[in-house]
Amino acid sequence: MEANLTGTGRLPAAFLTPGSSSFLDFLSAHQPELLPGRRTLPEGMTVEAPHGTTIVSAVFDGGVVIAGDRRATMGNVIAQRDIEKVFPADEYSAVGIAGTAGLAVEMVRLFQLELEHYEKIEGTVLSLEGKANRLTTMIRSNLAMAMQGLAVVPIFAGYDLDLGRGRIFTYDVTGGRSEERGFAATGSGSVFARGSMKKLYRDDLSAQQAATLAVQALYDAADDDSATGGPDLARKIFPIVSVITEDGFERLSEDRVSEIAVSITDQRREHPNGPQAPLL
């Protein structure tokens, strides 16, 4: 937010008055028109905007993985082939976005600022539960836009420093929040991605196995959902995969993700439907 300087070159009093540790509350009080959810469309108007899908996440022994495909669609057209949908929220958490791409990215940036503002004001990091609650408030404030077809439905994942494990939270368009056990998916390909992970997930996965599971799930989603993009070997466009542990957030390098994607693609030539869970 740009600060309007007074004639003396000083910041307005609002910027110097102690208040809430929430930047969202500050913005709501002083310049609410800058909030994404405060915008409205003219009555009867519809907007064709790029939409992003699909996001998956899985807990492993020591942390959590969150990954997203790279395709954005606008109706039946591919609007972008290399969009980024997974962003660090802070050092120990990340957000994966599905829904209206422009609004989602704007919401993520505001969420990042919200967490940074809290840390600077309070001198400590907000708990993972607290971060999930802050995101709930932001999604709920976007309800008016969601009712006009401009919804944002993210996945929030992070490493809980208090509990010493990875956790995953999913949301609906009203801001309703659920904590998922083991794995989760959102977006248009989520049904197929969740089915893939349900078949292959185990509690004792390593970070590498969880990353492979995430790419397998995105591959399966792309196989059945036209809005989800699978690994594009020709253009060298691969999913974004990030790992969060007690050491913090790490986005896997393109080389590491490409190795996983190429290996899965090679396996699919022999087994197009992917690996099968063993029968007991």
C-alpha atoms as a PDB file:
ATOM      1  CA  MET A   1       0.000   0.000   0.000  1.00  0.00           C
ATOM      2  CA  GLU A   2       1.363   3.408  -0.912  1.00  0.00           C
ATOM      3  CA  ALA A   3       1.431   5.910   1.920  1.00  0.00           C
ATOM      4  CA  ASN A   4       0.128   9.415   1.191  1.00  0.00           C
ATOM      5  CA  LEU A   5       2.681  11.839   2.615  1.00  0.00           C
ATOM      6  CA  THR A   6       1.508  14.978   4.369  1.00  0.00           C
ATOM      7  CA  GLY A   7       2.664  18.406   3.325  1.00  0.00           C
ATOM      8  CA  THR A   8       5.471  18.199   5.893  1.00  0.00           C
ATOM      9  CA  GLY A   9       6.819  14.996   4.353  1.00  0.00           C
ATOM     10  CA  ARG A  10       5.736  12.939   7.363  1.00  0.00           C
ATOM     11  CA  LEU A  11       3.621   9.800   7.344  1.00  0.00           C
ATOM     12  CA  PRO A  12      -0.068  10.220   8.249  1.00  0.00           C
ATOM     13  CA  ALA A  13      -0.960   9.653  11.893  1.00  0.00           C
ATOM     14  CA  ALA A  14      -2.553   6.289  11.091  1.00  0.00           C
ATOM     15  CA  PHE A  15       0.860   4.851  10.282  1.00  0.00           C
ATOM     16  CA  LEU A  16       2.309   5.989  13.591  1.00  0.00           C
ATOM     17  CA  THR A  17      -0.534   4.945  15.894  1.00  0.00           C
ATOM     18  CA  PRO A  18      -0.148   1.607  17.737  1.00  0.00           C
ATOM     19  CA  GLY A  19      -2.839  -0.865  16.803  1.00  0.00           C
ATOM     20  CA  SER A  20      -3.526  -4.402  15.686  1.00  0.00           C
ATOM     21  CA  SER A  21      -0.734  -6.757  14.627  1.00  0.00           C
ATOM     22  CA  SER A  22      -2.897  -7.609  11.609  1.00  0.00           C
ATOM     23  CA  PHE A  23      -2.023  -5.724   8.441  1.00  0.00           C
ATOM     24  CA  LEU A  24      -5.375  -6.856   7.027  1.00  0.00           C
ATOM     25  CA  ASP A  25      -7.210  -5.053   9.854  1.00  0.00           C
ATOM     26  CA  PHE A  26      -5.111  -1.934   9.283  1.00  0.00           C
ATOM     27  CA  LEU A  27      -5.855  -1.936   5.560  1.00  0.00           C
ATOM     28  CA  SER A  28      -9.567  -2.558   6.192  1.00  0.00           C
ATOM     29  CA  ALA A  29      -9.708   0.468   8.469  1.00  0.00           C
ATOM     30  CA  HIS A  30      -7.714   2.950   6.392  1.00  0.00           C
ATOM     31  CA  GLN A  31      -7.915   1.950   2.718  1.00  0.00           C
ATOM     32  CA  PRO A  32     -10.475  -0.869   2.346  1.00  0.00           C
ATOM     33  CA  GLU A  33     -10.790  -0.236  -1.385  1.00  0.00           C
ATOM     34  CA  LEU A  34      -7.373  -1.888  -1.818  1.00  0.00           C
ATOM     35  CA  LEU A  35      -8.620  -5.237  -0.531  1.00  0.00           C
ATOM     36  CA  PRO A  36      -9.266  -7.781  -3.308  1.00  0.00           C
ATOM     37  CA  GLY A  37     -12.689  -8.746  -1.973  1.00  0.00           C
ATOM     38  CA  ARG A  38     -14.010  -5.176  -1.857  1.00  0.00           C
ATOM     39  CA  ARG A  39     -14.261  -4.939  -5.620  1.00  0.00           C
ATOM     40  CA  THR A  40     -17.548  -5.633  -7.352  1.00  0.00           C
ATOM     41  CA  LEU A  41     -18.563  -6.237 -10.931  1.00  0.00           C
ATOM     42  CA  PRO A  42     -21.373  -4.337 -12.632  1.00  0.00           C
ATOM     43  CA  GLU A  43     -24.682  -6.178 -12.309  1.00  0.00           C
ATOM     44  CA  GLY A  44     -25.157  -8.870 -14.927  1.00  0.00           C
ATOM     45  CA  MET A  45     -21.524  -8.744 -16.033  1.00  0.00           C
ATOM     46  CA  THR A  46     -19.374 -11.876 -16.230  1.00  0.00           C
ATOM     47  CA  VAL A  47     -15.609 -12.007 -16.551  1.00  0.00           C
ATOM     48  CA  GLU A  48     -13.539 -14.573 -18.401  1.00  0.00           C
ATOM     49  CA  ALA A  49     -10.375 -14.734 -16.316  1.00  0.00           C
ATOM     50  CA  PRO A  50      -7.569 -17.298 -16.264  1.00  0.00           C
ATOM     51  CA  HIS A  51      -8.096 -20.070 -13.723  1.00  0.00           C
ATOM     52  CA  GLY A  52      -5.420 -22.207 -12.148  1.00  0.00           C
ATOM     53  CA  THR A  53      -5.641 -25.889 -11.203  1.00  0.00           C
ATOM     54  CA  THR A  54      -4.550 -28.386  -9.663  1.00  0.00           C
ATOM     55  CA  ILE A  55      -2.827 -28.340  -6.236  1.00  0.00           C
ATOM     56  CA  VAL A  56      -1.831 -31.399  -4.180  1.00  0.00           C
ATOM     57  CA  SER A  57      -0.155 -31.815  -0.804  1.00  0.00           C
ATOM     58  CA  ALA A  58       1.079 -34.759   1.254  1.00  0.00           C
ATOM     59  CA  VAL A  59       2.530 -35.167   4.722  1.00  0.00           C
ATOM     60  CA  PHE A  60       5.679 -37.258   5.109  1.00  0.00           C
ATOM     61  CA  ASP A  61       7.810 -38.299   8.049  1.00  0.00           C
ATOM     62  CA  GLY A  62       9.446 -34.981   8.905  1.00  0.00           C
ATOM     63  CA  GLY A  63       7.417 -32.447   6.978  1.00  0.00           C
ATOM     64  CA  VAL A  64       5.001 -31.780   4.147  1.00  0.00           C
ATOM     65  CA  VAL A  65       5.131 -31.491   0.346  1.00  0.00           C
ATOM     66  CA  ILE A  66       2.932 -29.148  -1.694  1.00  0.00           C
ATOM     67  CA  ALA A  67       2.891 -29.138  -5.495  1.00  0.00           C
ATOM     68  CA  GLY A  68       0.974 -27.647  -8.397  1.00  0.00           C
ATOM     69  CA  ASP A  69       0.697 -28.103 -12.138  1.00  0.00           C
ATOM     70  CA  ARG A  70       1.553 -25.207 -14.446  1.00  0.00           C
ATOM     71  CA  ARG A  71      -1.559 -24.774 -16.620  1.00  0.00           C
ATOM     72  CA  ALA A  72      -4.022 -21.872 -16.491  1.00  0.00           C
ATOM     73  CA  THR A  73      -7.216 -22.043 -18.540  1.00  0.00           C
ATOM     74  CA  MET A  74      -9.788 -19.514 -19.682  1.00  0.00           C
ATOM     75  CA  GLY A  75     -12.886 -21.372 -20.752  1.00  0.00           C
ATOM     76  CA  ASN A  76     -11.736 -24.061 -23.151  1.00  0.00           C
ATOM     77  CA  VAL A  77      -8.508 -22.217 -23.993  1.00  0.00           C
ATOM     78  CA  ILE A  78      -5.093 -22.734 -22.392  1.00  0.00           C
ATOM     79  CA  ALA A  79      -4.293 -19.219 -21.169  1.00  0.00           C
ATOM     80  CA  GLN A  80      -0.814 -20.003 -19.837  1.00  0.00           C
ATOM     81  CA  ARG A  81       1.362 -23.112 -19.763  1.00  0.00           C
ATOM     82  CA  ASP A  82       3.888 -22.132 -17.089  1.00  0.00           C
ATOM     83  CA  ILE A  83       1.945 -20.296 -14.383  1.00  0.00           C
ATOM     84  CA  GLU A  84       3.251 -20.592 -10.828  1.00  0.00           C
ATOM     85  CA  LYS A  85       0.688 -21.734  -8.254  1.00  0.00           C
ATOM     86  CA  VAL A  86       2.771 -22.603  -5.178  1.00  0.00           C
ATOM     87  CA  PHE A  87       4.233 -19.786  -3.079  1.00  0.00           C
ATOM     88  CA  PRO A  88       6.016 -19.595   0.262  1.00  0.00           C
ATOM     89  CA  ALA A  89       3.824 -17.866   2.861  1.00  0.00           C
ATOM     90  CA  ASP A  90       6.748 -17.529   5.239  1.00  0.00           C
ATOM     91  CA  GLU A  91       9.762 -19.609   6.271  1.00  0.00           C
ATOM     92  CA  TYR A  92       7.680 -22.581   7.466  1.00  0.00           C
ATOM     93  CA  SER A  93       4.535 -22.553   5.340  1.00  0.00           C
ATOM     94  CA  ALA A  94       3.278 -22.334   1.767  1.00  0.00           C
ATOM     95  CA  VAL A  95       0.098 -21.679  -0.190  1.00  0.00           C
ATOM     96  CA  GLY A  96      -1.021 -23.441  -3.349  1.00  0.00           C
ATOM     97  CA  ILE A  97      -3.676 -21.555  -5.327  1.00  0.00           C
ATOM     98  CA  ALA A  98      -6.606 -22.806  -7.364  1.00  0.00           C
ATOM     99  CA  GLY A  99      -9.326 -20.623  -8.817  1.00  0.00           C
ATOM    100  CA  THR A 100      -9.150 -17.166 -10.407  1.00  0.00           C
ATOM    101  CA  ALA A 101      -5.424 -16.717 -10.946  1.00  0.00           C
ATOM    102  CA  GLY A 102      -5.118 -12.938 -10.677  1.00  0.00           C
ATOM    103  CA  LEU A 103      -7.136 -12.667  -7.460  1.00  0.00           C
ATOM    104  CA  ALA A 104      -5.376 -15.694  -5.997  1.00  0.00           C
ATOM    105  CA  VAL A 105      -1.893 -14.265  -6.541  1.00  0.00           C
ATOM    106  CA  GLU A 106      -2.995 -10.930  -5.069  1.00  0.00           C
ATOM    107  CA  MET A 107      -4.410 -12.725  -2.024  1.00  0.00           C
ATOM    108  CA  VAL A 108      -1.174 -14.667  -1.537  1.00  0.00           C
ATOM    109  CA  ARG A 109       0.894 -11.475  -1.614  1.00  0.00           C
ATOM    110  CA  LEU A 110      -1.400  -9.896   0.954  1.00  0.00           C
ATOM    111  CA  PHE A 111      -1.161 -13.041   3.099  1.00  0.00           C
ATOM    112  CA  GLN A 112       2.646 -12.941   2.932  1.00  0.00           C
ATOM    113  CA  LEU A 113       2.561  -9.309   4.042  1.00  0.00           C
ATOM    114  CA  GLU A 114       0.110 -10.156   6.816  1.00  0.00           C
ATOM    115  CA  LEU A 115       2.462 -12.767   8.297  1.00  0.00           C
ATOM    116  CA  GLU A 116       5.521 -10.512   7.932  1.00  0.00           C
ATOM    117  CA  HIS A 117       3.665  -7.619   9.568  1.00  0.00           C
ATOM    118  CA  TYR A 118       2.631  -9.801  12.522  1.00  0.00           C
ATOM    119  CA  GLU A 119       6.198 -11.004  13.040  1.00  0.00           C
ATOM    120  CA  LYS A 120       7.575  -7.453  13.030  1.00  0.00           C
ATOM    121  CA  ILE A 121       4.917  -6.092  15.398  1.00  0.00           C
ATOM    122  CA  GLU A 122       4.832  -9.022  17.834  1.00  0.00           C
ATOM    123  CA  GLY A 123       8.486 -10.033  17.570  1.00  0.00           C
ATOM    124  CA  THR A 124       7.566 -13.692  17.136  1.00  0.00           C
ATOM    125  CA  VAL A 125       6.283 -16.053  14.460  1.00  0.00           C
ATOM    126  CA  LEU A 126       2.551 -16.723  14.345  1.00  0.00           C
ATOM    127  CA  SER A 127       1.625 -20.336  15.067  1.00  0.00           C
ATOM    128  CA  LEU A 128       0.665 -22.525  12.102  1.00  0.00           C
ATOM    129  CA  GLU A 129      -2.902 -22.679  13.431  1.00  0.00           C
ATOM    130  CA  GLY A 130      -2.925 -18.891  13.622  1.00  0.00           C
ATOM    131  CA  LYS A 131      -1.679 -18.577  10.030  1.00  0.00           C
ATOM    132  CA  ALA A 132      -4.443 -20.905   8.849  1.00  0.00           C
ATOM    133  CA  ASN A 133      -7.005 -18.759  10.675  1.00  0.00           C
ATOM    134  CA  ARG A 134      -5.685 -15.559   9.075  1.00  0.00           C
ATOM    135  CA  LEU A 135      -6.071 -17.133   5.629  1.00  0.00           C
ATOM    136  CA  THR A 136      -9.649 -18.099   6.535  1.00  0.00           C
ATOM    137  CA  THR A 137     -10.455 -14.432   7.160  1.00  0.00           C
ATOM    138  CA  MET A 138      -8.977 -13.383   3.822  1.00  0.00           C
ATOM    139  CA  ILE A 139     -10.900 -16.003   1.841  1.00  0.00           C
ATOM    140  CA  ARG A 140     -14.140 -15.092   3.603  1.00  0.00           C
ATOM    141  CA  SER A 141     -13.626 -11.435   2.690  1.00  0.00           C
ATOM    142  CA  ASN A 142     -13.561 -12.506  -0.967  1.00  0.00           C
ATOM    143  CA  LEU A 143     -17.019 -14.123  -0.782  1.00  0.00           C
ATOM    144  CA  ALA A 144     -18.722 -11.382  -2.824  1.00  0.00           C
ATOM    145  CA  MET A 145     -16.296 -11.951  -5.685  1.00  0.00           C
ATOM    146  CA  ALA A 146     -16.642 -15.730  -5.353  1.00  0.00           C
ATOM    147  CA  MET A 147     -20.413 -15.401  -5.782  1.00  0.00           C
ATOM    148  CA  GLN A 148     -19.673 -13.641  -9.084  1.00  0.00           C
ATOM    149  CA  GLY A 149     -17.560 -16.551 -10.269  1.00  0.00           C
ATOM    150  CA  LEU A 150     -14.158 -15.216  -9.163  1.00  0.00           C
ATOM    151  CA  ALA A 151     -13.384 -17.731  -6.432  1.00  0.00           C
ATOM    152  CA  VAL A 152     -10.065 -18.529  -4.763  1.00  0.00           C
ATOM    153  CA  VAL A 153      -9.710 -21.974  -3.164  1.00  0.00           C
ATOM    154  CA  PRO A 154      -6.194 -22.557  -1.815  1.00  0.00           C
ATOM    155  CA  ILE A 155      -4.363 -25.268   0.079  1.00  0.00           C
ATOM    156  CA  PHE A 156      -2.256 -24.125   3.020  1.00  0.00           C
ATOM    157  CA  ALA A 157       0.529 -26.409   4.228  1.00  0.00           C
ATOM    158  CA  GLY A 158       3.345 -25.974   6.678  1.00  0.00           C
ATOM    159  CA  TYR A 159       5.582 -27.398   9.358  1.00  0.00           C
ATOM    160  CA  ASP A 160       4.183 -26.968  12.863  1.00  0.00           C
ATOM    161  CA  LEU A 161       7.129 -26.031  15.069  1.00  0.00           C
ATOM    162  CA  ASP A 162       5.113 -26.719  18.236  1.00  0.00           C
ATOM    163  CA  LEU A 163       3.918 -30.193  17.217  1.00  0.00           C
ATOM    164  CA  GLY A 164       7.010 -31.104  15.186  1.00  0.00           C
ATOM    165  CA  ARG A 165       5.167 -32.317  12.078  1.00  0.00           C
ATOM    166  CA  GLY A 166       3.700 -31.247   8.766  1.00  0.00           C
ATOM    167  CA  ARG A 167       0.053 -30.192   8.520  1.00  0.00           C
ATOM    168  CA  ILE A 168      -2.353 -29.460   5.640  1.00  0.00           C
ATOM    169  CA  PHE A 169      -5.418 -27.186   5.604  1.00  0.00           C
ATOM    170  CA  THR A 170      -8.043 -26.932   2.852  1.00  0.00           C
ATOM    171  CA  TYR A 171     -10.716 -24.261   2.346  1.00  0.00           C
ATOM    172  CA  ASP A 172     -14.019 -23.712   0.590  1.00  0.00           C
ATOM    173  CA  VAL A 173     -15.120 -20.466  -1.064  1.00  0.00           C
ATOM    174  CA  THR A 174     -16.788 -19.229   2.154  1.00  0.00           C
ATOM    175  CA  GLY A 175     -13.552 -19.560   4.131  1.00  0.00           C
ATOM    176  CA  GLY A 176     -14.579 -22.830   5.759  1.00  0.00           C
ATOM    177  CA  ARG A 177     -11.402 -24.597   6.887  1.00  0.00           C
ATOM    178  CA  SER A 178     -10.595 -28.285   7.333  1.00  0.00           C
ATOM    179  CA  GLU A 179      -7.409 -29.957   8.427  1.00  0.00           C
ATOM    180  CA  GLU A 180      -6.586 -32.916   6.200  1.00  0.00           C
ATOM    181  CA  ARG A 181      -4.887 -36.095   7.375  1.00  0.00           C
ATOM    182  CA  GLY A 182      -2.119 -37.414   5.172  1.00  0.00           C
ATOM    183  CA  PHE A 183      -2.883 -35.770   1.837  1.00  0.00           C
ATOM    184  CA  ALA A 184      -5.186 -33.319   0.067  1.00  0.00           C
ATOM    185  CA  ALA A 185      -5.993 -31.890  -3.346  1.00  0.00           C
ATOM    186  CA  THR A 186      -7.959 -28.930  -4.702  1.00  0.00           C
ATOM    187  CA  GLY A 187      -8.869 -27.598  -8.129  1.00  0.00           C
ATOM    188  CA  SER A 188     -10.631 -29.090 -11.122  1.00  0.00           C
ATOM    189  CA  GLY A 189      -8.399 -32.163 -11.188  1.00  0.00           C
ATOM    190  CA  SER A 190      -8.619 -32.764  -7.443  1.00  0.00           C
ATOM    191  CA  VAL A 191     -10.930 -35.780  -7.698  1.00  0.00           C
ATOM    192  CA  PHE A 192      -8.446 -37.666  -9.851  1.00  0.00           C
ATOM    193  CA  ALA A 193      -5.404 -36.466  -7.903  1.00  0.00           C
ATOM    194  CA  ARG A 194      -6.957 -37.469  -4.590  1.00  0.00           C
ATOM    195  CA  GLY A 195      -7.813 -40.907  -5.964  1.00  0.00           C
ATOM    196  CA  SER A 196      -4.212 -41.362  -7.065  1.00  0.00           C
ATOM    197  CA  MET A 197      -2.826 -40.368  -3.670  1.00  0.00           C
ATOM    198  CA  LYS A 198      -5.385 -42.470  -1.811  1.00  0.00           C
ATOM    199  CA  LYS A 199      -4.085 -45.496  -3.680  1.00  0.00           C
ATOM    200  CA  LEU A 200      -0.379 -44.865  -3.046  1.00  0.00           C
ATOM    201  CA  TYR A 201      -0.070 -42.874   0.182  1.00  0.00           C
ATOM    202  CA  ARG A 202       1.675 -44.317   3.261  1.00  0.00           C
ATOM    203  CA  ASP A 203       2.437 -42.796   6.654  1.00  0.00           C
ATOM    204  CA  ASP A 204       6.168 -43.533   6.431  1.00  0.00           C
ATOM    205  CA  LEU A 205       6.990 -41.754   3.170  1.00  0.00           C
ATOM    206  CA  SER A 206      10.318 -39.972   2.811  1.00  0.00           C
ATOM    207  CA  ALA A 207      10.532 -36.456   1.365  1.00  0.00           C
ATOM    208  CA  GLN A 208      11.610 -37.859  -2.016  1.00  0.00           C
ATOM    209  CA  GLN A 209       8.772 -40.395  -2.051  1.00  0.00           C
ATOM    210  CA  ALA A 210       6.236 -37.713  -1.101  1.00  0.00           C
ATOM    211  CA  ALA A 211       7.483 -35.491  -3.943  1.00  0.00           C
ATOM    212  CA  THR A 212       7.169 -38.412  -6.360  1.00  0.00           C
ATOM    213  CA  LEU A 213       3.660 -39.129  -5.042  1.00  0.00           C
ATOM    214  CA  ALA A 214       2.667 -35.500  -5.688  1.00  0.00           C
ATOM    215  CA  VAL A 215       3.913 -35.586  -9.287  1.00  0.00           C
ATOM    216  CA  GLN A 216       2.197 -38.964  -9.834  1.00  0.00           C
ATOM    217  CA  ALA A 217      -1.059 -37.423  -8.605  1.00  0.00           C
ATOM    218  CA  LEU A 218      -0.721 -34.425 -10.916  1.00  0.00           C
ATOM    219  CA  TYR A 219       0.033 -36.756 -13.820  1.00  0.00           C
ATOM    220  CA  ASP A 220      -3.166 -38.710 -13.083  1.00  0.00           C
ATOM    221  CA  ALA A 221      -5.158 -35.491 -12.765  1.00  0.00           C
ATOM    222  CA  ALA A 222      -3.872 -34.270 -16.139  1.00  0.00           C
ATOM    223  CA  ASP A 223      -4.768 -37.627 -17.660  1.00  0.00           C
ATOM    224  CA  ASP A 224      -8.475 -37.083 -16.929  1.00  0.00           C
ATOM    225  CA  ASP A 225      -8.890 -33.321 -16.489  1.00  0.00           C
ATOM    226  CA  SER A 226      -8.211 -31.054 -19.464  1.00  0.00           C
ATOM    227  CA  ALA A 227      -7.652 -28.020 -17.217  1.00  0.00           C
ATOM    228  CA  THR A 228      -4.678 -29.688 -15.496  1.00  0.00           C
ATOM    229  CA  GLY A 229      -1.329 -29.715 -17.265  1.00  0.00           C
ATOM    230  CA  GLY A 230       0.947 -32.719 -16.975  1.00  0.00           C
ATOM    231  CA  PRO A 231       4.749 -32.661 -17.287  1.00  0.00           C
ATOM    232  CA  ASP A 232       5.604 -31.062 -20.647  1.00  0.00           C
ATOM    233  CA  LEU A 233       8.841 -32.741 -21.717  1.00  0.00           C
ATOM    234  CA  ALA A 234       9.006 -30.946 -25.053  1.00  0.00           C
ATOM    235  CA  ARG A 235       8.826 -27.452 -23.515  1.00  0.00           C
ATOM    236  CA  LYS A 236      10.604 -28.536 -20.304  1.00  0.00           C
ATOM    237  CA  ILE A 237       7.731 -27.321 -18.138  1.00  0.00           C
ATOM    238  CA  PHE A 238       7.351 -29.321 -14.945  1.00  0.00           C
ATOM    239  CA  PRO A 239       5.218 -29.055 -11.796  1.00  0.00           C
ATOM    240  CA  ILE A 240       6.338 -26.828  -8.956  1.00  0.00           C
ATOM    241  CA  VAL A 241       7.165 -28.973  -5.935  1.00  0.00           C
ATOM    242  CA  SER A 242       8.056 -27.508  -2.542  1.00  0.00           C
ATOM    243  CA  VAL A 243       9.104 -29.239   0.671  1.00  0.00           C
ATOM    244  CA  ILE A 244       8.679 -27.792   4.164  1.00  0.00           C
ATOM    245  CA  THR A 245      10.509 -29.261   7.169  1.00  0.00           C
ATOM    246  CA  GLU A 246      11.926 -28.053  10.472  1.00  0.00           C
ATOM    247  CA  ASP A 247      14.687 -26.497   8.350  1.00  0.00           C
ATOM    248  CA  GLY A 248      12.151 -24.333   6.525  1.00  0.00           C
ATOM    249  CA  PHE A 249      10.698 -23.958   3.033  1.00  0.00           C
ATOM    250  CA  GLU A 250      12.531 -25.332   0.004  1.00  0.00           C
ATOM    251  CA  ARG A 251      11.393 -25.261  -3.600  1.00  0.00           C
ATOM    252  CA  LEU A 252      12.844 -28.261  -5.388  1.00  0.00           C
ATOM    253  CA  SER A 253      15.065 -27.346  -8.303  1.00  0.00           C
ATOM    254  CA  GLU A 254      13.811 -27.803 -11.836  1.00  0.00           C
ATOM    255  CA  ASP A 255      16.456 -30.496 -12.363  1.00  0.00           C
ATOM    256  CA  ARG A 256      15.166 -32.551  -9.428  1.00  0.00           C
ATOM    257  CA  VAL A 257      11.537 -32.222 -10.485  1.00  0.00           C
ATOM    258  CA  SER A 258      12.369 -33.014 -14.108  1.00  0.00           C
ATOM    259  CA  GLU A 259      14.121 -36.233 -12.999  1.00  0.00           C
ATOM    260  CA  ILE A 260      10.977 -37.294 -11.159  1.00  0.00           C
ATOM    261  CA  ALA A 261       8.722 -36.322 -14.071  1.00  0.00           C
ATOM    262  CA  VAL A 262      10.860 -38.080 -16.698  1.00  0.00           C
ATOM    263  CA  SER A 263      11.030 -41.225 -14.555  1.00  0.00           C
ATOM    264  CA  ILE A 264       7.236 -41.264 -14.147  1.00  0.00           C
ATOM    265  CA  THR A 265       6.691 -40.646 -17.865  1.00  0.00           C
ATOM    266  CA  ASP A 266       9.015 -43.528 -18.748  1.00  0.00           C
ATOM    267  CA  GLN A 267       7.155 -45.839 -16.358  1.00  0.00           C
ATOM    268  CA  ARG A 268       3.804 -44.825 -17.842  1.00  0.00           C
ATOM    269  CA  ARG A 269       4.880 -46.069 -21.258  1.00  0.00           C
ATOM    270  CA  GLU A 270       4.754 -49.593 -19.855  1.00  0.00           C
ATOM    271  CA  HIS A 271       1.964 -48.996 -17.338  1.00  0.00           C
ATOM    272  CA  PRO A 272      -0.250 -46.141 -18.625  1.00  0.00           C
ATOM    273  CA  ASN A 273      -2.487 -46.209 -15.555  1.00  0.00           C
ATOM    274  CA  GLY A 274       0.412 -45.862 -13.169  1.00  0.00           C
ATOM    275  CA  PRO A 275       1.620 -47.924 -10.204  1.00  0.00           C
ATOM    276  CA  GLN A 276      -0.915 -50.133  -8.489  1.00  0.00           C
ATOM    277  CA  ALA A 277      -1.386 -50.453  -4.751  1.00  0.00           C
ATOM    278  CA  PRO A 278      -0.622 -54.030  -3.637  1.00  0.00           C
ATOM    279  CA  LEU A 279      -3.585 -56.246  -2.827  1.00  0.00           C
ATOM    280  CA  LEU A 280      -3.570 -57.561   0.726  1.00  0.00           C
END
